[in-house]
Amino acid sequence: MAITKQHEYYENRLELLQKEMPNFVIKYVDHKFDILSPLPLFNYVRDYKEFFLWLITEGIVECKSPKDIEPEALR
């Protein structure tokens, strides 16, 4: 199967964005990578990042970055 430029572009962006995410988000992406294309996965992870930054900014969780958020903090 030929990979399009768009596929490759979002795969690279997703890889970079994952470096800022907690392990449970990375596991989710790994689990879904064979099922979904990189574009929706990138959008999901970007939304997670925005949500995690909001949690930090509002003081709902006490972390310095999204990577530090634990799943228990989301309960």
PDB file of N, CA and C in Angstrom:
ATOM      1  N   MET A   1       0.845  -1.181   0.000  1.00  0.00           N
ATOM      2  CA  MET A   1       0.000   0.000   0.000  1.00  0.00           C
ATOM      3  C   MET A   1       0.894   1.249   0.000  1.00  0.00           C
ATOM      4  N   ALA A   2       0.622   2.134  -0.910  1.00  0.00           N
ATOM      5  CA  ALA A   2       1.382   3.375  -0.994  1.00  0.00           C
ATOM      6  C   ALA A   2       0.934   4.336   0.101  1.00  0.00           C
ATOM      7  N   ILE A   3       1.909   4.962   0.710  1.00  0.00           N
ATOM      8  CA  ILE A   3       1.614   5.950   1.745  1.00  0.00           C
ATOM      9  C   ILE A   3       1.620   7.327   1.099  1.00  0.00           C
ATOM     10  N   THR A   4       0.551   8.070   1.321  1.00  0.00           N
ATOM     11  CA  THR A   4       0.457   9.405   0.740  1.00  0.00           C
ATOM     12  C   THR A   4       1.305  10.386   1.543  1.00  0.00           C
ATOM     13  N   LYS A   5       1.541  11.521   0.959  1.00  0.00           N
ATOM     14  CA  LYS A   5       2.285  12.585   1.652  1.00  0.00           C
ATOM     15  C   LYS A   5       1.535  13.029   2.903  1.00  0.00           C
ATOM     16  N   GLN A   6       0.205  13.112   2.796  1.00  0.00           N
ATOM     17  CA  GLN A   6      -0.600  13.518   3.945  1.00  0.00           C
ATOM     18  C   GLN A   6      -0.476  12.495   5.072  1.00  0.00           C
ATOM     19  N   HIS A   7      -0.534  11.231   4.742  1.00  0.00           N
ATOM     20  CA  HIS A   7      -0.389  10.158   5.724  1.00  0.00           C
ATOM     21  C   HIS A   7       0.958  10.287   6.436  1.00  0.00           C
ATOM     22  N   GLU A   8       1.994  10.449   5.670  1.00  0.00           N
ATOM     23  CA  GLU A   8       3.342  10.586   6.213  1.00  0.00           C
ATOM     24  C   GLU A   8       3.468  11.837   7.083  1.00  0.00           C
ATOM     25  N   TYR A   9       2.896  12.936   6.632  1.00  0.00           N
ATOM     26  CA  TYR A   9       2.943  14.204   7.367  1.00  0.00           C
ATOM     27  C   TYR A   9       2.311  14.052   8.755  1.00  0.00           C
ATOM     28  N   TYR A  10       1.097  13.479   8.805  1.00  0.00           N
ATOM     29  CA  TYR A  10       0.414  13.346  10.086  1.00  0.00           C
ATOM     30  C   TYR A  10       1.021  12.253  10.957  1.00  0.00           C
ATOM     31  N   GLU A  11       1.612  11.269  10.344  1.00  0.00           N
ATOM     32  CA  GLU A  11       2.317  10.252  11.117  1.00  0.00           C
ATOM     33  C   GLU A  11       3.505  10.892  11.851  1.00  0.00           C
ATOM     34  N   ASN A  12       4.235  11.766  11.174  1.00  0.00           N
ATOM     35  CA  ASN A  12       5.364  12.471  11.791  1.00  0.00           C
ATOM     36  C   ASN A  12       4.895  13.430  12.886  1.00  0.00           C
ATOM     37  N   ARG A  13       3.831  14.164  12.611  1.00  0.00           N
ATOM     38  CA  ARG A  13       3.308  15.093  13.620  1.00  0.00           C
ATOM     39  C   ARG A  13       2.784  14.346  14.840  1.00  0.00           C
ATOM     40  N   LEU A  14       2.147  13.214  14.606  1.00  0.00           N
ATOM     41  CA  LEU A  14       1.643  12.394  15.702  1.00  0.00           C
ATOM     42  C   LEU A  14       2.793  11.893  16.563  1.00  0.00           C
ATOM     43  N   GLU A  15       3.852  11.463  15.928  1.00  0.00           N
ATOM     44  CA  GLU A  15       5.026  10.973  16.659  1.00  0.00           C
ATOM     45  C   GLU A  15       5.608  12.064  17.561  1.00  0.00           C
ATOM     46  N   LEU A  16       5.693  13.279  17.050  1.00  0.00           N
ATOM     47  CA  LEU A  16       6.208  14.392  17.850  1.00  0.00           C
ATOM     48  C   LEU A  16       5.265  14.730  19.010  1.00  0.00           C
ATOM     49  N   LEU A  17       3.987  14.745  18.741  1.00  0.00           N
ATOM     50  CA  LEU A  17       3.001  15.091  19.758  1.00  0.00           C
ATOM     51  C   LEU A  17       2.954  14.049  20.874  1.00  0.00           C
ATOM     52  N   GLN A  18       3.170  12.796  20.522  1.00  0.00           N
ATOM     53  CA  GLN A  18       3.150  11.737  21.525  1.00  0.00           C
ATOM     54  C   GLN A  18       4.238  11.915  22.577  1.00  0.00           C
ATOM     55  N   LYS A  19       5.314  12.574  22.231  1.00  0.00           N
ATOM     56  CA  LYS A  19       6.403  12.801  23.187  1.00  0.00           C
ATOM     57  C   LYS A  19       5.968  13.678  24.354  1.00  0.00           C
ATOM     58  N   GLU A  20       4.873  14.416  24.186  1.00  0.00           N
ATOM     59  CA  GLU A  20       4.356  15.300  25.228  1.00  0.00           C
ATOM     60  C   GLU A  20       3.220  14.664  26.028  1.00  0.00           C
ATOM     61  N   MET A  21       2.865  13.430  25.689  1.00  0.00           N
ATOM     62  CA  MET A  21       1.694  12.790  26.283  1.00  0.00           C
ATOM     63  C   MET A  21       2.069  11.768  27.357  1.00  0.00           C
ATOM     64  N   PRO A  22       1.138  11.553  28.301  1.00  0.00           N
ATOM     65  CA  PRO A  22       1.361  10.504  29.305  1.00  0.00           C
ATOM     66  C   PRO A  22       1.301   9.114  28.653  1.00  0.00           C
ATOM     67  N   ASN A  23       1.819   8.131  29.371  1.00  0.00           N
ATOM     68  CA  ASN A  23       1.897   6.773  28.823  1.00  0.00           C
ATOM     69  C   ASN A  23       0.547   6.197  28.412  1.00  0.00           C
ATOM     70  N   PHE A  24      -0.517   6.508  29.167  1.00  0.00           N
ATOM     71  CA  PHE A  24      -1.805   5.907  28.814  1.00  0.00           C
ATOM     72  C   PHE A  24      -2.332   6.412  27.469  1.00  0.00           C
ATOM     73  N   VAL A  25      -1.985   7.612  27.067  1.00  0.00           N
ATOM     74  CA  VAL A  25      -2.385   8.113  25.746  1.00  0.00           C
ATOM     75  C   VAL A  25      -1.535   7.436  24.666  1.00  0.00           C
ATOM     76  N   ILE A  26      -0.269   7.252  24.931  1.00  0.00           N
ATOM     77  CA  ILE A  26       0.619   6.577  23.983  1.00  0.00           C
ATOM     78  C   ILE A  26       0.152   5.138  23.758  1.00  0.00           C
ATOM     79  N   LYS A  27      -0.248   4.462  24.824  1.00  0.00           N
ATOM     80  CA  LYS A  27      -0.764   3.092  24.695  1.00  0.00           C
ATOM     81  C   LYS A  27      -2.037   3.074  23.856  1.00  0.00           C
ATOM     82  N   TYR A  28      -2.892   4.065  24.047  1.00  0.00           N
ATOM     83  CA  TYR A  28      -4.119   4.167  23.258  1.00  0.00           C
ATOM     84  C   TYR A  28      -3.780   4.296  21.767  1.00  0.00           C
ATOM     85  N   VAL A  29      -2.853   5.172  21.451  1.00  0.00           N
ATOM     86  CA  VAL A  29      -2.460   5.388  20.051  1.00  0.00           C
ATOM     87  C   VAL A  29      -1.871   4.101  19.467  1.00  0.00           C
ATOM     88  N   ASP A  30      -1.004   3.456  20.229  1.00  0.00           N
ATOM     89  CA  ASP A  30      -0.405   2.203  19.752  1.00  0.00           C
ATOM     90  C   ASP A  30      -1.481   1.151  19.471  1.00  0.00           C
ATOM     91  N   HIS A  31      -2.472   1.104  20.330  1.00  0.00           N
ATOM     92  CA  HIS A  31      -3.551   0.128  20.178  1.00  0.00           C
ATOM     93  C   HIS A  31      -4.416   0.420  18.935  1.00  0.00           C
ATOM     94  N   LYS A  32      -4.605   1.681  18.629  1.00  0.00           N
ATOM     95  CA  LYS A  32      -5.481   2.085  17.519  1.00  0.00           C
ATOM     96  C   LYS A  32      -4.748   2.315  16.195  1.00  0.00           C
ATOM     97  N   PHE A  33      -3.428   2.283  16.224  1.00  0.00           N
ATOM     98  CA  PHE A  33      -2.661   2.663  15.034  1.00  0.00           C
ATOM     99  C   PHE A  33      -2.963   1.794  13.818  1.00  0.00           C
ATOM    100  N   ASP A  34      -3.232   0.522  14.012  1.00  0.00           N
ATOM    101  CA  ASP A  34      -3.538  -0.359  12.879  1.00  0.00           C
ATOM    102  C   ASP A  34      -4.957  -0.176  12.365  1.00  0.00           C
ATOM    103  N   ILE A  35      -5.807   0.433  13.185  1.00  0.00           N
ATOM    104  CA  ILE A  35      -7.215   0.589  12.839  1.00  0.00           C
ATOM    105  C   ILE A  35      -7.506   1.955  12.217  1.00  0.00           C
ATOM    106  N   LEU A  36      -6.893   2.986  12.767  1.00  0.00           N
ATOM    107  CA  LEU A  36      -7.160   4.360  12.328  1.00  0.00           C
ATOM    108  C   LEU A  36      -5.957   4.931  11.586  1.00  0.00           C
ATOM    109  N   SER A  37      -6.223   5.884  10.719  1.00  0.00           N
ATOM    110  CA  SER A  37      -5.128   6.560  10.024  1.00  0.00           C
ATOM    111  C   SER A  37      -4.520   7.620  10.947  1.00  0.00           C
ATOM    112  N   PRO A  38      -3.343   8.115  10.614  1.00  0.00           N
ATOM    113  CA  PRO A  38      -2.676   9.086  11.468  1.00  0.00           C
ATOM    114  C   PRO A  38      -3.435  10.404  11.676  1.00  0.00           C
ATOM    115  N   LEU A  39      -4.232  10.820  10.705  1.00  0.00           N
ATOM    116  CA  LEU A  39      -4.942  12.095  10.852  1.00  0.00           C
ATOM    117  C   LEU A  39      -5.924  12.081  12.019  1.00  0.00           C
ATOM    118  N   PRO A  40      -6.855  11.134  12.116  1.00  0.00           N
ATOM    119  CA  PRO A  40      -7.744  11.159  13.277  1.00  0.00           C
ATOM    120  C   PRO A  40      -6.995  10.916  14.587  1.00  0.00           C
ATOM    121  N   LEU A  41      -5.980  10.068  14.563  1.00  0.00           N
ATOM    122  CA  LEU A  41      -5.198   9.852  15.786  1.00  0.00           C
ATOM    123  C   LEU A  41      -4.502  11.132  16.220  1.00  0.00           C
ATOM    124  N   PHE A  42      -3.937  11.850  15.259  1.00  0.00           N
ATOM    125  CA  PHE A  42      -3.308  13.141  15.575  1.00  0.00           C
ATOM    126  C   PHE A  42      -4.334  14.091  16.196  1.00  0.00           C
ATOM    127  N   ASN A  43      -5.522  14.160  15.609  1.00  0.00           N
ATOM    128  CA  ASN A  43      -6.570  15.041  16.142  1.00  0.00           C
ATOM    129  C   ASN A  43      -6.975  14.635  17.556  1.00  0.00           C
ATOM    130  N   TYR A  44      -7.101  13.329  17.814  1.00  0.00           N
ATOM    131  CA  TYR A  44      -7.452  12.871  19.160  1.00  0.00           C
ATOM    132  C   TYR A  44      -6.375  13.290  20.168  1.00  0.00           C
ATOM    133  N   VAL A  45      -5.129  13.057  19.814  1.00  0.00           N
ATOM    134  CA  VAL A  45      -4.032  13.372  20.740  1.00  0.00           C
ATOM    135  C   VAL A  45      -3.919  14.882  20.938  1.00  0.00           C
ATOM    136  N   ARG A  46      -4.145  15.647  19.892  1.00  0.00           N
ATOM    137  CA  ARG A  46      -4.131  17.114  20.026  1.00  0.00           C
ATOM    138  C   ARG A  46      -5.245  17.564  20.969  1.00  0.00           C
ATOM    139  N   ASP A  47      -6.411  16.951  20.863  1.00  0.00           N
ATOM    140  CA  ASP A  47      -7.516  17.278  21.776  1.00  0.00           C
ATOM    141  C   ASP A  47      -7.182  16.887  23.209  1.00  0.00           C
ATOM    142  N   TYR A  48      -6.555  15.731  23.375  1.00  0.00           N
ATOM    143  CA  TYR A  48      -6.103  15.342  24.722  1.00  0.00           C
ATOM    144  C   TYR A  48      -5.164  16.394  25.292  1.00  0.00           C
ATOM    145  N   LYS A  49      -4.225  16.841  24.468  1.00  0.00           N
ATOM    146  CA  LYS A  49      -3.256  17.834  24.931  1.00  0.00           C
ATOM    147  C   LYS A  49      -3.961  19.118  25.372  1.00  0.00           C
ATOM    148  N   GLU A  50      -4.900  19.600  24.563  1.00  0.00           N
ATOM    149  CA  GLU A  50      -5.639  20.811  24.928  1.00  0.00           C
ATOM    150  C   GLU A  50      -6.402  20.615  26.237  1.00  0.00           C
ATOM    151  N   PHE A  51      -7.025  19.459  26.396  1.00  0.00           N
ATOM    152  CA  PHE A  51      -7.763  19.162  27.624  1.00  0.00           C
ATOM    153  C   PHE A  51      -6.823  19.095  28.827  1.00  0.00           C
ATOM    154  N   PHE A  52      -5.701  18.417  28.672  1.00  0.00           N
ATOM    155  CA  PHE A  52      -4.741  18.314  29.773  1.00  0.00           C
ATOM    156  C   PHE A  52      -4.181  19.679  30.151  1.00  0.00           C
ATOM    157  N   LEU A  53      -3.892  20.508  29.162  1.00  0.00           N
ATOM    158  CA  LEU A  53      -3.399  21.863  29.458  1.00  0.00           C
ATOM    159  C   LEU A  53      -4.458  22.678  30.181  1.00  0.00           C
ATOM    160  N   TRP A  54      -5.711  22.504  29.819  1.00  0.00           N
ATOM    161  CA  TRP A  54      -6.804  23.185  30.517  1.00  0.00           C
ATOM    162  C   TRP A  54      -6.869  22.719  31.967  1.00  0.00           C
ATOM    163  N   LEU A  55      -6.765  21.415  32.210  1.00  0.00           N
ATOM    164  CA  LEU A  55      -6.776  20.889  33.576  1.00  0.00           C
ATOM    165  C   LEU A  55      -5.652  21.506  34.409  1.00  0.00           C
ATOM    166  N   ILE A  56      -4.490  21.641  33.812  1.00  0.00           N
ATOM    167  CA  ILE A  56      -3.340  22.219  34.511  1.00  0.00           C
ATOM    168  C   ILE A  56      -3.560  23.703  34.768  1.00  0.00           C
ATOM    169  N   THR A  57      -3.983  24.430  33.753  1.00  0.00           N
ATOM    170  CA  THR A  57      -4.204  25.874  33.871  1.00  0.00           C
ATOM    171  C   THR A  57      -5.259  26.214  34.914  1.00  0.00           C
ATOM    172  N   GLU A  58      -6.315  25.427  34.966  1.00  0.00           N
ATOM    173  CA  GLU A  58      -7.403  25.667  35.923  1.00  0.00           C
ATOM    174  C   GLU A  58      -7.077  25.164  37.327  1.00  0.00           C
ATOM    175  N   GLY A  59      -5.942  24.515  37.487  1.00  0.00           N
ATOM    176  CA  GLY A  59      -5.543  24.008  38.794  1.00  0.00           C
ATOM    177  C   GLY A  59      -6.302  22.759  39.222  1.00  0.00           C
ATOM    178  N   ILE A  60      -6.930  22.088  38.276  1.00  0.00           N
ATOM    179  CA  ILE A  60      -7.672  20.863  38.589  1.00  0.00           C
ATOM    180  C   ILE A  60      -6.708  19.717  38.875  1.00  0.00           C
ATOM    181  N   VAL A  61      -5.594  19.706  38.180  1.00  0.00           N
ATOM    182  CA  VAL A  61      -4.511  18.767  38.472  1.00  0.00           C
ATOM    183  C   VAL A  61      -3.246  19.572  38.737  1.00  0.00           C
ATOM    184  N   GLU A  62      -2.402  19.039  39.568  1.00  0.00           N
ATOM    185  CA  GLU A  62      -1.153  19.720  39.891  1.00  0.00           C
ATOM    186  C   GLU A  62      -0.005  19.020  39.174  1.00  0.00           C
ATOM    187  N   CYS A  63       0.235  19.441  37.958  1.00  0.00           N
ATOM    188  CA  CYS A  63       1.301  18.899  37.121  1.00  0.00           C
ATOM    189  C   CYS A  63       1.957  20.065  36.386  1.00  0.00           C
ATOM    190  N   LYS A  64       3.166  19.814  35.939  1.00  0.00           N
ATOM    191  CA  LYS A  64       3.852  20.841  35.162  1.00  0.00           C
ATOM    192  C   LYS A  64       3.603  20.685  33.662  1.00  0.00           C
ATOM    193  N   SER A  65       3.303  19.459  33.238  1.00  0.00           N
ATOM    194  CA  SER A  65       3.055  19.231  31.814  1.00  0.00           C
ATOM    195  C   SER A  65       2.051  18.101  31.644  1.00  0.00           C
ATOM    196  N   PRO A  66       1.445  18.016  30.475  1.00  0.00           N
ATOM    197  CA  PRO A  66       0.493  16.930  30.223  1.00  0.00           C
ATOM    198  C   PRO A  66       1.112  15.542  30.421  1.00  0.00           C
ATOM    199  N   LYS A  67       2.392  15.408  30.160  1.00  0.00           N
ATOM    200  CA  LYS A  67       3.072  14.121  30.292  1.00  0.00           C
ATOM    201  C   LYS A  67       3.010  13.586  31.726  1.00  0.00           C
ATOM    202  N   ASP A  68       2.876  14.490  32.701  1.00  0.00           N
ATOM    203  CA  ASP A  68       2.867  14.106  34.120  1.00  0.00           C
ATOM    204  C   ASP A  68       1.495  13.711  34.647  1.00  0.00           C
ATOM    205  N   ILE A  69       0.460  13.870  33.860  1.00  0.00           N
ATOM    206  CA  ILE A  69      -0.897  13.569  34.339  1.00  0.00           C
ATOM    207  C   ILE A  69      -1.089  12.065  34.466  1.00  0.00           C
ATOM    208  N   GLU A  70      -1.618  11.668  35.611  1.00  0.00           N
ATOM    209  CA  GLU A  70      -1.901  10.258  35.880  1.00  0.00           C
ATOM    210  C   GLU A  70      -3.367   9.967  35.566  1.00  0.00           C
ATOM    211  N   PRO A  71      -3.693   8.737  35.176  1.00  0.00           N
ATOM    212  CA  PRO A  71      -5.081   8.393  34.871  1.00  0.00           C
ATOM    213  C   PRO A  71      -6.022   8.640  36.075  1.00  0.00           C
ATOM    214  N   GLU A  72      -5.510   8.458  37.279  1.00  0.00           N
ATOM    215  CA  GLU A  72      -6.331   8.673  38.472  1.00  0.00           C
ATOM    216  C   GLU A  72      -6.803  10.113  38.592  1.00  0.00           C
ATOM    217  N   ALA A  73      -6.038  11.057  38.057  1.00  0.00           N
ATOM    218  CA  ALA A  73      -6.407  12.474  38.113  1.00  0.00           C
ATOM    219  C   ALA A  73      -7.646  12.752  37.265  1.00  0.00           C
ATOM    220  N   LEU A  74      -7.952  11.873  36.325  1.00  0.00           N
ATOM    221  CA  LEU A  74      -9.092  12.095  35.441  1.00  0.00           C
ATOM    222  C   LEU A  74     -10.391  11.545  36.011  1.00  0.00           C
ATOM    223  N   ARG A  75     -10.295  10.834  37.106  1.00  0.00           N
ATOM    224  CA  ARG A  75     -11.507  10.272  37.705  1.00  0.00           C
ATOM    225  C   ARG A  75     -12.196  11.320  38.455  1.00  0.00           C
TER     226      ARG A  75
END
